[in-house]
N, C-alpha and C. Protein backbone atom coordinates (compact mmCIF):
# COMPACT_ATOMS: atom_id res chain seq x y z
N UNK A 1 25.88 7.82 -2.47
CA UNK A 1 26.44 6.55 -2.04
C UNK A 1 27.88 6.73 -1.54
N UNK A 2 28.35 5.79 -0.77
CA UNK A 2 29.71 5.84 -0.28
C UNK A 2 30.69 5.55 -1.41
N UNK A 3 31.88 6.16 -1.33
CA UNK A 3 32.94 5.87 -2.29
C UNK A 3 34.00 4.96 -1.69
N UNK A 4 33.93 4.74 -0.40
CA UNK A 4 34.88 3.85 0.26
C UNK A 4 34.19 3.24 1.48
N UNK A 5 34.69 2.11 1.89
CA UNK A 5 34.13 1.45 3.07
C UNK A 5 35.11 1.47 4.24
N UNK A 6 36.39 1.18 3.95
CA UNK A 6 37.40 1.09 5.01
C UNK A 6 37.44 2.38 5.83
N UNK A 7 37.33 2.21 7.14
CA UNK A 7 37.40 3.34 8.04
C UNK A 7 36.06 4.02 8.30
N UNK A 8 35.05 3.72 7.49
CA UNK A 8 33.73 4.32 7.70
C UNK A 8 33.03 3.66 8.89
N UNK A 9 32.22 4.44 9.56
CA UNK A 9 31.46 3.94 10.70
C UNK A 9 30.05 3.57 10.26
N UNK A 10 29.67 2.31 10.51
CA UNK A 10 28.36 1.83 10.10
C UNK A 10 27.59 1.27 11.30
N UNK A 11 26.32 1.60 11.32
CA UNK A 11 25.36 1.03 12.25
C UNK A 11 24.55 -0.02 11.49
N UNK A 12 24.43 -1.22 12.07
CA UNK A 12 23.60 -2.28 11.48
C UNK A 12 22.65 -2.77 12.56
N UNK A 13 21.37 -2.91 12.20
CA UNK A 13 20.42 -3.52 13.13
C UNK A 13 20.04 -4.90 12.62
N UNK A 14 19.74 -5.81 13.54
CA UNK A 14 19.46 -7.19 13.16
C UNK A 14 18.56 -7.86 14.18
N UNK A 15 17.88 -8.92 13.73
CA UNK A 15 17.09 -9.74 14.63
C UNK A 15 15.71 -9.17 14.90
N UNK A 16 14.96 -9.85 15.77
CA UNK A 16 13.62 -9.40 16.14
C UNK A 16 13.68 -8.46 17.33
N UNK A 17 12.54 -7.92 17.69
CA UNK A 17 12.40 -7.32 19.02
C UNK A 17 11.39 -8.15 19.80
N UNK A 18 11.48 -8.03 21.11
CA UNK A 18 10.55 -8.70 22.02
C UNK A 18 9.76 -7.62 22.76
N UNK A 19 8.44 -7.70 22.65
CA UNK A 19 7.56 -6.72 23.30
C UNK A 19 6.80 -7.45 24.41
N UNK A 20 7.13 -7.16 25.63
CA UNK A 20 6.63 -7.93 26.76
C UNK A 20 5.14 -7.68 27.04
N UNK A 21 4.44 -8.77 27.35
CA UNK A 21 3.04 -8.72 27.80
C UNK A 21 2.99 -8.82 29.32
N UNK A 22 3.77 -9.75 29.87
CA UNK A 22 3.91 -9.94 31.31
C UNK A 22 5.30 -10.55 31.53
N UNK A 23 5.69 -10.93 32.74
CA UNK A 23 7.05 -11.42 32.96
C UNK A 23 7.42 -12.68 32.18
N UNK A 24 6.44 -13.41 31.63
CA UNK A 24 6.77 -14.66 30.95
C UNK A 24 6.31 -14.70 29.50
N UNK A 25 5.53 -13.73 29.03
CA UNK A 25 5.00 -13.75 27.68
C UNK A 25 5.40 -12.50 26.92
N UNK A 26 5.48 -12.65 25.61
CA UNK A 26 5.85 -11.50 24.78
C UNK A 26 5.33 -11.67 23.37
N UNK A 27 5.35 -10.56 22.61
CA UNK A 27 5.05 -10.55 21.18
C UNK A 27 6.36 -10.42 20.44
N UNK A 28 6.56 -11.24 19.41
CA UNK A 28 7.79 -11.16 18.63
C UNK A 28 7.52 -11.63 17.21
N UNK A 29 8.56 -12.01 16.49
CA UNK A 29 8.42 -12.51 15.12
C UNK A 29 9.49 -13.57 14.86
N UNK A 30 9.55 -14.06 13.63
CA UNK A 30 10.40 -15.20 13.31
C UNK A 30 11.83 -14.83 12.90
N UNK A 31 12.21 -13.59 12.99
CA UNK A 31 13.55 -13.19 12.54
C UNK A 31 14.64 -13.89 13.36
N UNK A 32 15.66 -14.41 12.66
CA UNK A 32 16.81 -15.03 13.32
C UNK A 32 18.03 -14.12 13.35
N UNK A 33 17.98 -13.00 12.60
CA UNK A 33 19.11 -12.08 12.56
C UNK A 33 20.18 -12.43 11.54
N UNK A 34 20.01 -13.52 10.79
CA UNK A 34 21.09 -14.00 9.91
C UNK A 34 21.46 -12.99 8.83
N UNK A 35 20.45 -12.31 8.25
CA UNK A 35 20.76 -11.35 7.18
C UNK A 35 21.54 -10.16 7.72
N UNK A 36 21.08 -9.61 8.83
CA UNK A 36 21.77 -8.47 9.42
C UNK A 36 23.17 -8.80 9.88
N UNK A 37 23.34 -9.98 10.45
CA UNK A 37 24.67 -10.39 10.89
C UNK A 37 25.61 -10.59 9.70
N UNK A 38 25.06 -11.10 8.59
CA UNK A 38 25.88 -11.26 7.39
C UNK A 38 26.33 -9.91 6.85
N UNK A 39 25.47 -8.91 6.91
CA UNK A 39 25.84 -7.58 6.45
C UNK A 39 26.89 -6.97 7.37
N UNK A 40 26.71 -7.12 8.67
CA UNK A 40 27.71 -6.61 9.62
C UNK A 40 29.07 -7.25 9.38
N UNK A 41 29.07 -8.57 9.14
CA UNK A 41 30.33 -9.29 8.89
C UNK A 41 30.98 -8.81 7.61
N UNK A 42 30.18 -8.59 6.57
CA UNK A 42 30.72 -8.13 5.28
C UNK A 42 31.33 -6.75 5.39
N UNK A 43 30.65 -5.85 6.07
CA UNK A 43 31.19 -4.50 6.27
C UNK A 43 32.49 -4.54 7.06
N UNK A 44 32.52 -5.32 8.13
CA UNK A 44 33.73 -5.41 8.95
C UNK A 44 34.88 -6.01 8.16
N UNK A 45 34.60 -7.01 7.32
CA UNK A 45 35.64 -7.64 6.52
C UNK A 45 36.25 -6.66 5.53
N UNK A 46 35.49 -5.64 5.16
CA UNK A 46 35.99 -4.64 4.21
C UNK A 46 36.61 -3.43 4.92
N UNK A 47 36.72 -3.53 6.24
CA UNK A 47 37.43 -2.48 6.97
C UNK A 47 36.57 -1.43 7.62
N UNK A 48 35.25 -1.60 7.59
CA UNK A 48 34.38 -0.63 8.25
C UNK A 48 34.41 -0.83 9.76
N UNK A 49 34.09 0.23 10.48
CA UNK A 49 33.93 0.19 11.92
C UNK A 49 32.45 -0.02 12.18
N UNK A 50 32.08 -1.21 12.63
CA UNK A 50 30.67 -1.61 12.65
C UNK A 50 30.15 -1.75 14.08
N UNK A 51 29.02 -1.12 14.33
CA UNK A 51 28.27 -1.33 15.57
C UNK A 51 26.98 -2.04 15.20
N UNK A 52 26.78 -3.21 15.76
CA UNK A 52 25.62 -4.05 15.49
C UNK A 52 24.66 -3.95 16.67
N UNK A 53 23.48 -3.38 16.44
CA UNK A 53 22.44 -3.33 17.47
C UNK A 53 21.51 -4.50 17.21
N UNK A 54 21.52 -5.46 18.11
CA UNK A 54 20.87 -6.74 17.87
C UNK A 54 19.76 -7.03 18.86
N UNK A 55 18.63 -7.47 18.31
CA UNK A 55 17.60 -8.07 19.14
C UNK A 55 18.03 -9.45 19.57
N UNK A 56 17.21 -10.17 20.35
CA UNK A 56 17.60 -11.49 20.87
C UNK A 56 17.73 -12.53 19.76
N UNK A 57 18.94 -13.03 19.55
CA UNK A 57 19.21 -14.05 18.54
C UNK A 57 20.20 -15.07 19.10
N UNK A 58 20.32 -16.19 18.41
CA UNK A 58 21.26 -17.24 18.81
C UNK A 58 22.41 -17.29 17.81
N UNK A 59 23.09 -16.16 17.65
CA UNK A 59 24.19 -16.04 16.70
C UNK A 59 25.42 -15.48 17.41
N UNK A 60 26.59 -15.87 16.92
CA UNK A 60 27.83 -15.31 17.45
C UNK A 60 28.10 -13.96 16.78
N UNK A 61 28.72 -13.08 17.54
CA UNK A 61 29.07 -11.76 17.01
C UNK A 61 30.13 -11.90 15.92
N UNK A 62 29.92 -11.29 14.75
CA UNK A 62 30.93 -11.38 13.70
C UNK A 62 32.26 -10.77 14.15
N UNK A 63 33.34 -11.30 13.60
CA UNK A 63 34.67 -10.82 13.95
C UNK A 63 34.80 -9.33 13.65
N UNK A 64 35.36 -8.60 14.60
CA UNK A 64 35.63 -7.18 14.41
C UNK A 64 34.43 -6.27 14.56
N UNK A 65 33.32 -6.82 15.04
CA UNK A 65 32.08 -6.04 15.16
C UNK A 65 31.78 -5.78 16.63
N UNK A 66 31.41 -4.56 16.94
CA UNK A 66 30.94 -4.22 18.29
C UNK A 66 29.44 -4.48 18.33
N UNK A 67 29.01 -5.26 19.31
CA UNK A 67 27.59 -5.66 19.40
C UNK A 67 26.94 -5.04 20.62
N UNK A 68 25.76 -4.48 20.41
CA UNK A 68 24.94 -3.93 21.49
C UNK A 68 23.64 -4.72 21.51
N UNK A 69 23.36 -5.41 22.59
CA UNK A 69 22.15 -6.22 22.69
C UNK A 69 21.00 -5.40 23.24
N UNK A 70 19.85 -5.50 22.59
CA UNK A 70 18.63 -4.85 23.06
C UNK A 70 17.51 -5.89 23.03
N UNK A 71 16.40 -5.53 23.60
CA UNK A 71 15.25 -6.44 23.63
C UNK A 71 14.06 -5.86 22.88
N UNK A 72 13.63 -4.66 23.26
CA UNK A 72 12.40 -4.11 22.72
C UNK A 72 12.64 -3.11 21.60
N UNK A 73 11.56 -2.74 20.91
CA UNK A 73 11.65 -1.71 19.89
C UNK A 73 12.08 -0.38 20.49
N UNK A 74 11.58 -0.10 21.69
CA UNK A 74 11.97 1.14 22.36
C UNK A 74 13.45 1.20 22.67
N UNK A 75 14.01 0.07 23.12
CA UNK A 75 15.45 0.03 23.40
C UNK A 75 16.25 0.19 22.11
N UNK A 76 15.79 -0.45 21.02
CA UNK A 76 16.51 -0.32 19.76
C UNK A 76 16.45 1.12 19.25
N UNK A 77 15.30 1.76 19.40
CA UNK A 77 15.15 3.17 19.02
C UNK A 77 16.17 4.04 19.76
N UNK A 78 16.27 3.86 21.08
CA UNK A 78 17.17 4.69 21.87
C UNK A 78 18.62 4.49 21.45
N UNK A 79 19.04 3.26 21.26
CA UNK A 79 20.43 3.00 20.86
C UNK A 79 20.72 3.59 19.48
N UNK A 80 19.82 3.37 18.54
CA UNK A 80 20.07 3.81 17.17
C UNK A 80 20.09 5.33 17.05
N UNK A 81 19.15 5.99 17.71
CA UNK A 81 19.12 7.45 17.61
C UNK A 81 20.32 8.08 18.30
N UNK A 82 20.84 7.43 19.33
CA UNK A 82 22.05 7.93 19.99
C UNK A 82 23.29 7.73 19.12
N UNK A 83 23.36 6.60 18.42
CA UNK A 83 24.53 6.26 17.62
C UNK A 83 24.56 6.97 16.26
N UNK A 84 23.41 7.23 15.69
CA UNK A 84 23.30 7.70 14.31
C UNK A 84 24.13 8.95 13.99
N UNK A 85 24.17 9.97 14.83
CA UNK A 85 24.96 11.16 14.47
C UNK A 85 26.44 10.88 14.27
N UNK A 86 26.95 9.80 14.86
CA UNK A 86 28.38 9.47 14.75
C UNK A 86 28.69 8.63 13.51
N UNK A 87 27.66 8.19 12.79
CA UNK A 87 27.83 7.19 11.74
C UNK A 87 27.93 7.79 10.35
N UNK A 88 28.64 7.06 9.47
CA UNK A 88 28.65 7.40 8.05
C UNK A 88 27.49 6.73 7.32
N UNK A 89 26.98 5.64 7.89
CA UNK A 89 25.87 4.94 7.26
C UNK A 89 25.20 3.99 8.23
N UNK A 90 24.02 3.53 7.84
CA UNK A 90 23.27 2.58 8.65
C UNK A 90 22.50 1.64 7.75
N UNK A 91 22.46 0.37 8.14
CA UNK A 91 21.68 -0.65 7.43
C UNK A 91 20.66 -1.19 8.42
N UNK A 92 19.40 -0.86 8.17
CA UNK A 92 18.33 -1.19 9.13
C UNK A 92 17.68 -2.51 8.72
N UNK A 93 18.26 -3.60 9.21
CA UNK A 93 17.84 -4.94 8.81
C UNK A 93 16.96 -5.62 9.86
N UNK A 94 16.86 -5.06 11.05
CA UNK A 94 16.09 -5.70 12.12
C UNK A 94 14.61 -5.76 11.77
N UNK A 95 13.94 -6.78 12.26
CA UNK A 95 12.49 -6.91 12.14
C UNK A 95 11.88 -6.33 13.41
N UNK A 96 11.72 -5.02 13.41
CA UNK A 96 11.26 -4.31 14.60
C UNK A 96 9.73 -4.38 14.68
N UNK A 97 9.22 -4.65 15.86
CA UNK A 97 7.77 -4.71 16.05
C UNK A 97 7.13 -3.37 15.71
N UNK A 98 6.02 -3.42 14.99
CA UNK A 98 5.26 -2.20 14.68
C UNK A 98 4.38 -1.77 15.85
N UNK A 99 4.02 -2.75 16.71
CA UNK A 99 3.16 -2.46 17.85
C UNK A 99 3.72 -3.13 19.10
N UNK A 100 3.42 -2.51 20.24
CA UNK A 100 3.84 -3.04 21.53
C UNK A 100 2.69 -2.90 22.51
N UNK A 101 2.57 -3.77 23.52
CA UNK A 101 1.47 -3.65 24.48
C UNK A 101 1.44 -2.28 25.16
N UNK A 102 0.25 -1.72 25.25
CA UNK A 102 0.11 -0.41 25.90
C UNK A 102 0.42 -0.50 27.39
N UNK A 103 0.15 -1.66 27.99
CA UNK A 103 0.46 -1.88 29.40
C UNK A 103 1.09 -3.26 29.55
N UNK A 104 2.08 -3.36 30.42
CA UNK A 104 2.75 -4.63 30.70
C UNK A 104 2.38 -5.05 32.12
N UNK A 105 1.82 -6.23 32.26
CA UNK A 105 1.44 -6.71 33.59
C UNK A 105 2.69 -7.01 34.40
N UNK A 106 2.76 -6.57 35.66
CA UNK A 106 3.93 -6.85 36.49
C UNK A 106 3.97 -8.30 36.98
N UNK A 107 2.83 -9.00 36.85
CA UNK A 107 2.75 -10.40 37.27
C UNK A 107 2.19 -11.23 36.12
N UNK A 108 2.44 -12.53 36.17
CA UNK A 108 1.93 -13.41 35.13
C UNK A 108 0.41 -13.35 35.07
N UNK A 109 -0.11 -13.17 33.85
CA UNK A 109 -1.55 -13.16 33.65
C UNK A 109 -2.07 -14.58 33.76
N UNK A 110 -3.00 -14.80 34.67
CA UNK A 110 -3.46 -16.15 34.97
C UNK A 110 -4.55 -16.60 34.01
N UNK A 111 -4.61 -17.91 33.82
CA UNK A 111 -5.71 -18.54 33.11
C UNK A 111 -6.41 -19.47 34.08
N UNK A 112 -7.70 -19.30 34.25
CA UNK A 112 -8.41 -20.13 35.20
C UNK A 112 -9.85 -19.67 35.34
N UNK A 113 -10.59 -20.28 36.23
CA UNK A 113 -12.02 -19.94 36.37
C UNK A 113 -12.24 -18.51 36.81
N UNK A 114 -11.26 -17.93 37.51
CA UNK A 114 -11.44 -16.55 37.99
C UNK A 114 -11.06 -15.52 36.93
N UNK A 115 -10.45 -15.99 35.82
CA UNK A 115 -9.98 -15.07 34.79
C UNK A 115 -11.08 -14.83 33.76
N UNK A 116 -10.93 -13.73 33.04
CA UNK A 116 -11.83 -13.45 31.92
C UNK A 116 -11.66 -14.53 30.86
N UNK A 117 -12.75 -14.94 30.19
CA UNK A 117 -12.62 -15.99 29.15
C UNK A 117 -11.78 -15.53 27.97
N UNK A 118 -11.71 -14.24 27.75
CA UNK A 118 -10.92 -13.69 26.65
C UNK A 118 -9.87 -12.73 27.20
N UNK A 119 -8.66 -12.84 26.66
CA UNK A 119 -7.60 -11.88 27.00
C UNK A 119 -7.52 -10.87 25.86
N UNK A 120 -7.79 -9.63 26.16
CA UNK A 120 -7.77 -8.58 25.15
C UNK A 120 -6.54 -7.70 25.40
N UNK A 121 -5.68 -7.63 24.40
CA UNK A 121 -4.48 -6.80 24.50
C UNK A 121 -4.70 -5.49 23.74
N UNK A 122 -4.35 -4.41 24.36
CA UNK A 122 -4.36 -3.12 23.69
C UNK A 122 -2.93 -2.80 23.28
N UNK A 123 -2.73 -2.56 21.99
CA UNK A 123 -1.40 -2.31 21.46
C UNK A 123 -1.26 -0.85 21.04
N UNK A 124 -0.07 -0.34 21.16
CA UNK A 124 0.22 1.02 20.69
C UNK A 124 1.38 0.94 19.69
N UNK A 125 1.45 1.86 18.74
CA UNK A 125 2.51 1.80 17.74
C UNK A 125 3.87 2.10 18.35
N UNK A 126 4.89 1.44 17.83
CA UNK A 126 6.27 1.75 18.21
C UNK A 126 6.80 2.87 17.32
N UNK A 127 7.91 3.44 17.70
CA UNK A 127 8.53 4.48 16.89
C UNK A 127 9.22 3.84 15.68
N UNK A 128 9.10 4.49 14.53
CA UNK A 128 9.70 4.00 13.29
C UNK A 128 11.17 4.42 13.28
N UNK A 129 12.07 3.48 13.52
CA UNK A 129 13.48 3.82 13.67
C UNK A 129 14.08 4.33 12.38
N UNK A 130 13.85 3.61 11.27
CA UNK A 130 14.43 4.03 9.99
C UNK A 130 13.92 5.41 9.59
N UNK A 131 12.63 5.65 9.75
CA UNK A 131 12.08 6.96 9.41
C UNK A 131 12.68 8.06 10.29
N UNK A 132 12.88 7.73 11.57
CA UNK A 132 13.49 8.71 12.47
C UNK A 132 14.91 9.08 12.04
N UNK A 133 15.68 8.07 11.64
CA UNK A 133 17.03 8.36 11.15
C UNK A 133 16.98 9.13 9.84
N UNK A 134 15.99 8.79 8.99
CA UNK A 134 15.86 9.50 7.73
C UNK A 134 15.56 10.98 7.91
N UNK A 135 14.81 11.31 8.94
CA UNK A 135 14.49 12.73 9.18
C UNK A 135 15.69 13.53 9.61
N UNK A 136 16.68 12.88 10.23
CA UNK A 136 17.86 13.60 10.73
C UNK A 136 19.12 13.30 9.91
N UNK A 137 18.95 12.63 8.80
CA UNK A 137 20.10 12.26 7.96
C UNK A 137 20.77 13.50 7.42
N UNK A 138 22.08 13.56 7.57
CA UNK A 138 22.83 14.71 7.05
C UNK A 138 23.41 14.35 5.68
N UNK A 139 23.79 15.35 4.90
CA UNK A 139 24.40 15.07 3.60
C UNK A 139 25.62 14.16 3.75
N UNK A 140 25.69 13.14 2.91
CA UNK A 140 26.81 12.21 2.95
C UNK A 140 26.55 10.95 3.74
N UNK A 141 25.53 10.96 4.62
CA UNK A 141 25.18 9.75 5.33
C UNK A 141 24.37 8.82 4.42
N UNK A 142 24.62 7.53 4.55
CA UNK A 142 23.93 6.51 3.75
C UNK A 142 22.95 5.77 4.64
N UNK A 143 21.69 5.67 4.21
CA UNK A 143 20.68 4.99 5.00
C UNK A 143 19.99 3.93 4.15
N UNK A 144 20.10 2.67 4.60
CA UNK A 144 19.58 1.53 3.87
C UNK A 144 18.50 0.85 4.70
N UNK A 145 17.37 0.56 4.09
CA UNK A 145 16.30 -0.12 4.79
C UNK A 145 15.98 -1.47 4.17
N UNK A 146 15.15 -2.23 4.85
CA UNK A 146 14.69 -3.53 4.36
C UNK A 146 13.17 -3.55 4.34
N UNK A 147 12.62 -4.27 3.38
CA UNK A 147 11.17 -4.46 3.29
C UNK A 147 10.90 -5.93 3.08
N UNK A 148 10.32 -6.56 4.08
CA UNK A 148 9.87 -7.95 3.95
C UNK A 148 8.37 -7.89 3.74
N UNK A 149 7.91 -8.31 2.56
CA UNK A 149 6.52 -8.13 2.19
C UNK A 149 5.84 -9.46 1.88
N UNK A 150 4.50 -9.44 1.96
CA UNK A 150 3.70 -10.60 1.60
C UNK A 150 2.77 -10.30 0.42
N UNK A 151 2.63 -9.01 0.06
CA UNK A 151 1.78 -8.63 -1.06
C UNK A 151 2.19 -7.24 -1.55
N UNK A 152 1.87 -6.93 -2.80
CA UNK A 152 2.22 -5.62 -3.38
C UNK A 152 3.66 -5.24 -3.05
N UNK A 153 4.55 -6.19 -3.25
CA UNK A 153 5.92 -6.07 -2.76
C UNK A 153 6.62 -4.80 -3.25
N UNK A 154 6.68 -4.60 -4.56
CA UNK A 154 7.43 -3.47 -5.10
C UNK A 154 6.79 -2.14 -4.72
N UNK A 155 5.48 -2.06 -4.77
CA UNK A 155 4.79 -0.82 -4.40
C UNK A 155 5.09 -0.46 -2.95
N UNK A 156 5.00 -1.43 -2.06
CA UNK A 156 5.25 -1.18 -0.64
C UNK A 156 6.70 -0.79 -0.38
N UNK A 157 7.62 -1.46 -1.07
CA UNK A 157 9.03 -1.15 -0.88
C UNK A 157 9.36 0.27 -1.34
N UNK A 158 8.85 0.65 -2.50
CA UNK A 158 9.12 1.99 -3.02
C UNK A 158 8.49 3.07 -2.14
N UNK A 159 7.33 2.76 -1.58
CA UNK A 159 6.70 3.71 -0.66
C UNK A 159 7.58 3.93 0.56
N UNK A 160 8.13 2.84 1.11
CA UNK A 160 9.02 2.97 2.27
C UNK A 160 10.30 3.72 1.90
N UNK A 161 10.83 3.48 0.72
CA UNK A 161 12.04 4.17 0.28
C UNK A 161 11.84 5.68 0.30
N UNK A 162 10.71 6.14 -0.24
CA UNK A 162 10.44 7.58 -0.30
C UNK A 162 10.06 8.14 1.06
N UNK A 163 9.14 7.45 1.72
CA UNK A 163 8.57 7.97 2.96
C UNK A 163 9.59 8.08 4.08
N UNK A 164 10.56 7.16 4.10
CA UNK A 164 11.55 7.14 5.19
C UNK A 164 12.86 7.82 4.82
N UNK A 165 12.90 8.43 3.62
CA UNK A 165 14.09 9.15 3.17
C UNK A 165 15.31 8.25 3.14
N UNK A 166 15.13 7.04 2.57
CA UNK A 166 16.22 6.08 2.45
C UNK A 166 16.99 6.31 1.16
N UNK A 167 18.24 5.87 1.14
CA UNK A 167 19.03 5.86 -0.09
C UNK A 167 18.86 4.56 -0.86
N UNK A 168 18.60 3.48 -0.14
CA UNK A 168 18.38 2.17 -0.74
C UNK A 168 17.38 1.40 0.11
N UNK A 169 16.63 0.50 -0.53
CA UNK A 169 15.82 -0.43 0.21
C UNK A 169 15.96 -1.81 -0.41
N UNK A 170 16.08 -2.80 0.46
CA UNK A 170 16.26 -4.19 0.04
C UNK A 170 14.94 -4.92 0.26
N UNK A 171 14.38 -5.43 -0.82
CA UNK A 171 13.08 -6.10 -0.77
C UNK A 171 13.25 -7.60 -0.83
N UNK A 172 12.55 -8.31 0.03
CA UNK A 172 12.35 -9.74 -0.16
C UNK A 172 10.94 -10.11 0.24
N UNK A 173 10.46 -11.22 -0.26
CA UNK A 173 9.06 -11.60 -0.11
C UNK A 173 8.95 -12.96 0.55
N UNK A 174 7.99 -13.06 1.46
CA UNK A 174 7.72 -14.36 2.08
C UNK A 174 7.08 -15.33 1.09
N UNK A 175 6.67 -14.83 -0.07
CA UNK A 175 6.09 -15.71 -1.09
C UNK A 175 7.17 -16.41 -1.92
N UNK A 176 8.44 -15.97 -1.78
CA UNK A 176 9.54 -16.60 -2.51
C UNK A 176 10.11 -17.75 -1.68
N UNK A 177 10.07 -18.94 -2.20
CA UNK A 177 10.63 -20.09 -1.48
C UNK A 177 12.11 -19.87 -1.23
N UNK A 178 12.55 -20.10 0.01
CA UNK A 178 13.96 -19.94 0.36
C UNK A 178 14.34 -18.55 0.78
N UNK A 179 13.40 -17.61 0.76
CA UNK A 179 13.69 -16.23 1.17
C UNK A 179 13.01 -15.94 2.50
N UNK A 180 13.43 -14.86 3.12
CA UNK A 180 12.77 -14.43 4.35
C UNK A 180 13.40 -15.01 5.60
N UNK A 181 12.56 -15.24 6.60
CA UNK A 181 13.03 -15.60 7.93
C UNK A 181 13.61 -17.02 7.99
N UNK A 182 14.61 -17.17 8.84
CA UNK A 182 15.03 -18.49 9.29
C UNK A 182 16.08 -19.19 8.48
N UNK A 183 15.97 -19.16 7.15
CA UNK A 183 16.89 -19.93 6.33
C UNK A 183 18.23 -19.26 6.12
N UNK A 184 19.07 -19.95 5.37
CA UNK A 184 20.41 -19.43 5.06
C UNK A 184 20.48 -18.80 3.69
N UNK A 185 19.35 -18.75 2.97
CA UNK A 185 19.32 -18.15 1.64
C UNK A 185 18.34 -16.99 1.60
N UNK A 186 18.47 -16.18 0.56
CA UNK A 186 17.55 -15.06 0.37
C UNK A 186 17.51 -14.71 -1.11
N UNK A 187 16.39 -14.14 -1.53
CA UNK A 187 16.26 -13.59 -2.89
C UNK A 187 15.89 -12.13 -2.72
N UNK A 188 16.77 -11.24 -3.11
CA UNK A 188 16.58 -9.82 -2.85
C UNK A 188 16.47 -9.02 -4.14
N UNK A 189 15.76 -7.92 -4.04
CA UNK A 189 15.74 -6.89 -5.08
C UNK A 189 16.06 -5.57 -4.39
N UNK A 190 17.01 -4.83 -4.96
CA UNK A 190 17.46 -3.59 -4.33
C UNK A 190 17.01 -2.40 -5.17
N UNK A 191 16.32 -1.46 -4.52
CA UNK A 191 15.89 -0.23 -5.16
C UNK A 191 16.68 0.92 -4.55
N UNK A 192 17.04 1.90 -5.36
CA UNK A 192 17.76 3.07 -4.86
C UNK A 192 16.94 4.33 -5.08
N UNK A 193 17.29 5.37 -4.32
CA UNK A 193 16.59 6.65 -4.47
C UNK A 193 16.87 7.28 -5.82
N UNK A 194 17.92 6.82 -6.52
CA UNK A 194 18.22 7.31 -7.86
C UNK A 194 17.34 6.66 -8.92
N UNK A 195 16.52 5.69 -8.52
CA UNK A 195 15.59 5.08 -9.45
C UNK A 195 16.03 3.76 -10.04
N UNK A 196 17.12 3.17 -9.55
CA UNK A 196 17.57 1.90 -10.09
C UNK A 196 16.93 0.74 -9.37
N UNK A 197 16.85 -0.37 -10.07
CA UNK A 197 16.29 -1.61 -9.52
C UNK A 197 17.20 -2.75 -9.95
N UNK A 198 17.70 -3.53 -8.97
CA UNK A 198 18.60 -4.65 -9.26
C UNK A 198 18.07 -5.88 -8.54
N UNK A 199 17.75 -6.91 -9.32
CA UNK A 199 17.23 -8.16 -8.75
C UNK A 199 18.31 -9.22 -8.78
N UNK A 200 18.40 -9.99 -7.70
CA UNK A 200 19.39 -11.06 -7.59
C UNK A 200 18.67 -12.40 -7.45
N UNK A 201 19.30 -13.48 -7.87
CA UNK A 201 18.69 -14.81 -7.73
C UNK A 201 18.77 -15.29 -6.29
N UNK A 202 18.10 -16.39 -6.01
CA UNK A 202 18.21 -17.02 -4.70
C UNK A 202 19.65 -17.41 -4.44
N UNK A 203 20.19 -16.99 -3.32
CA UNK A 203 21.59 -17.26 -2.99
C UNK A 203 21.76 -17.20 -1.48
N UNK A 204 22.95 -17.50 -1.01
CA UNK A 204 23.20 -17.45 0.42
C UNK A 204 23.06 -16.02 0.93
N UNK A 205 22.74 -15.90 2.20
CA UNK A 205 22.64 -14.57 2.79
C UNK A 205 24.00 -13.88 2.83
N UNK A 206 25.06 -14.66 2.89
CA UNK A 206 26.41 -14.08 2.81
C UNK A 206 26.63 -13.44 1.45
N UNK A 207 26.24 -14.13 0.38
CA UNK A 207 26.38 -13.57 -0.96
C UNK A 207 25.47 -12.36 -1.14
N UNK A 208 24.26 -12.44 -0.62
CA UNK A 208 23.35 -11.30 -0.71
C UNK A 208 23.92 -10.08 0.02
N UNK A 209 24.53 -10.31 1.18
CA UNK A 209 25.15 -9.21 1.91
C UNK A 209 26.26 -8.55 1.10
N UNK A 210 27.06 -9.36 0.40
CA UNK A 210 28.13 -8.81 -0.43
C UNK A 210 27.56 -7.94 -1.55
N UNK A 211 26.46 -8.37 -2.17
CA UNK A 211 25.83 -7.57 -3.22
C UNK A 211 25.34 -6.24 -2.67
N UNK A 212 24.72 -6.28 -1.50
CA UNK A 212 24.21 -5.05 -0.90
C UNK A 212 25.34 -4.07 -0.63
N UNK A 213 26.41 -4.56 -0.03
CA UNK A 213 27.55 -3.67 0.27
C UNK A 213 28.21 -3.18 -1.02
N UNK A 214 28.27 -4.02 -2.05
CA UNK A 214 28.82 -3.57 -3.34
C UNK A 214 28.08 -2.34 -3.85
N UNK A 215 26.79 -2.29 -3.61
CA UNK A 215 25.99 -1.18 -4.14
C UNK A 215 26.26 0.14 -3.45
N UNK A 216 26.93 0.10 -2.31
CA UNK A 216 27.29 1.35 -1.64
C UNK A 216 28.24 2.18 -2.50
N UNK A 217 28.93 1.54 -3.44
CA UNK A 217 29.90 2.25 -4.25
C UNK A 217 29.28 2.87 -5.50
N UNK A 218 28.04 2.56 -5.81
CA UNK A 218 27.44 3.04 -7.05
C UNK A 218 27.04 4.49 -6.95
């Protein structure tokens, strides 16, 4: 874990990705970016040098944070892998699409009598950004992931912690009222590679961000 924050370089990802089907349609999710932006703001307030790689959101850039806007999972992958070697740590909070259309139509897909009654999309997996950073993590770098789950929450989170070579993973569940996408509150449980587990009550995402950053010192 980090022993200091001021002056350290941190990468934070936030928001959804958009995976285009045609010029007017896309696949995405309900992420608003609020949790990731709160973490970026907390790190910057403590003196870190923060680069925020953000999917499309309706949020203002936190004070003192450099923001890089991306759209797709592929774009987020390219930015993060390029930035990672320069960083002391990264917090991977974005809700990155697991799949993207294998082909993108250059024109709007029509609906009408001449069209097929069913639209069948072929999807291909996107690159796992957190796992990619975990494979190239050097000694002293801190890598934090997020797990938003709907079932077998702790088992899935711990699997991601090990499989992606993370130092910490932050778990929240869509089954917890007030947690997850869209709202201003969250209920998180933080697991570390050292085997610790810390659960927090439902609270603002700003407060949750402070708890997460506090754990960098442990």
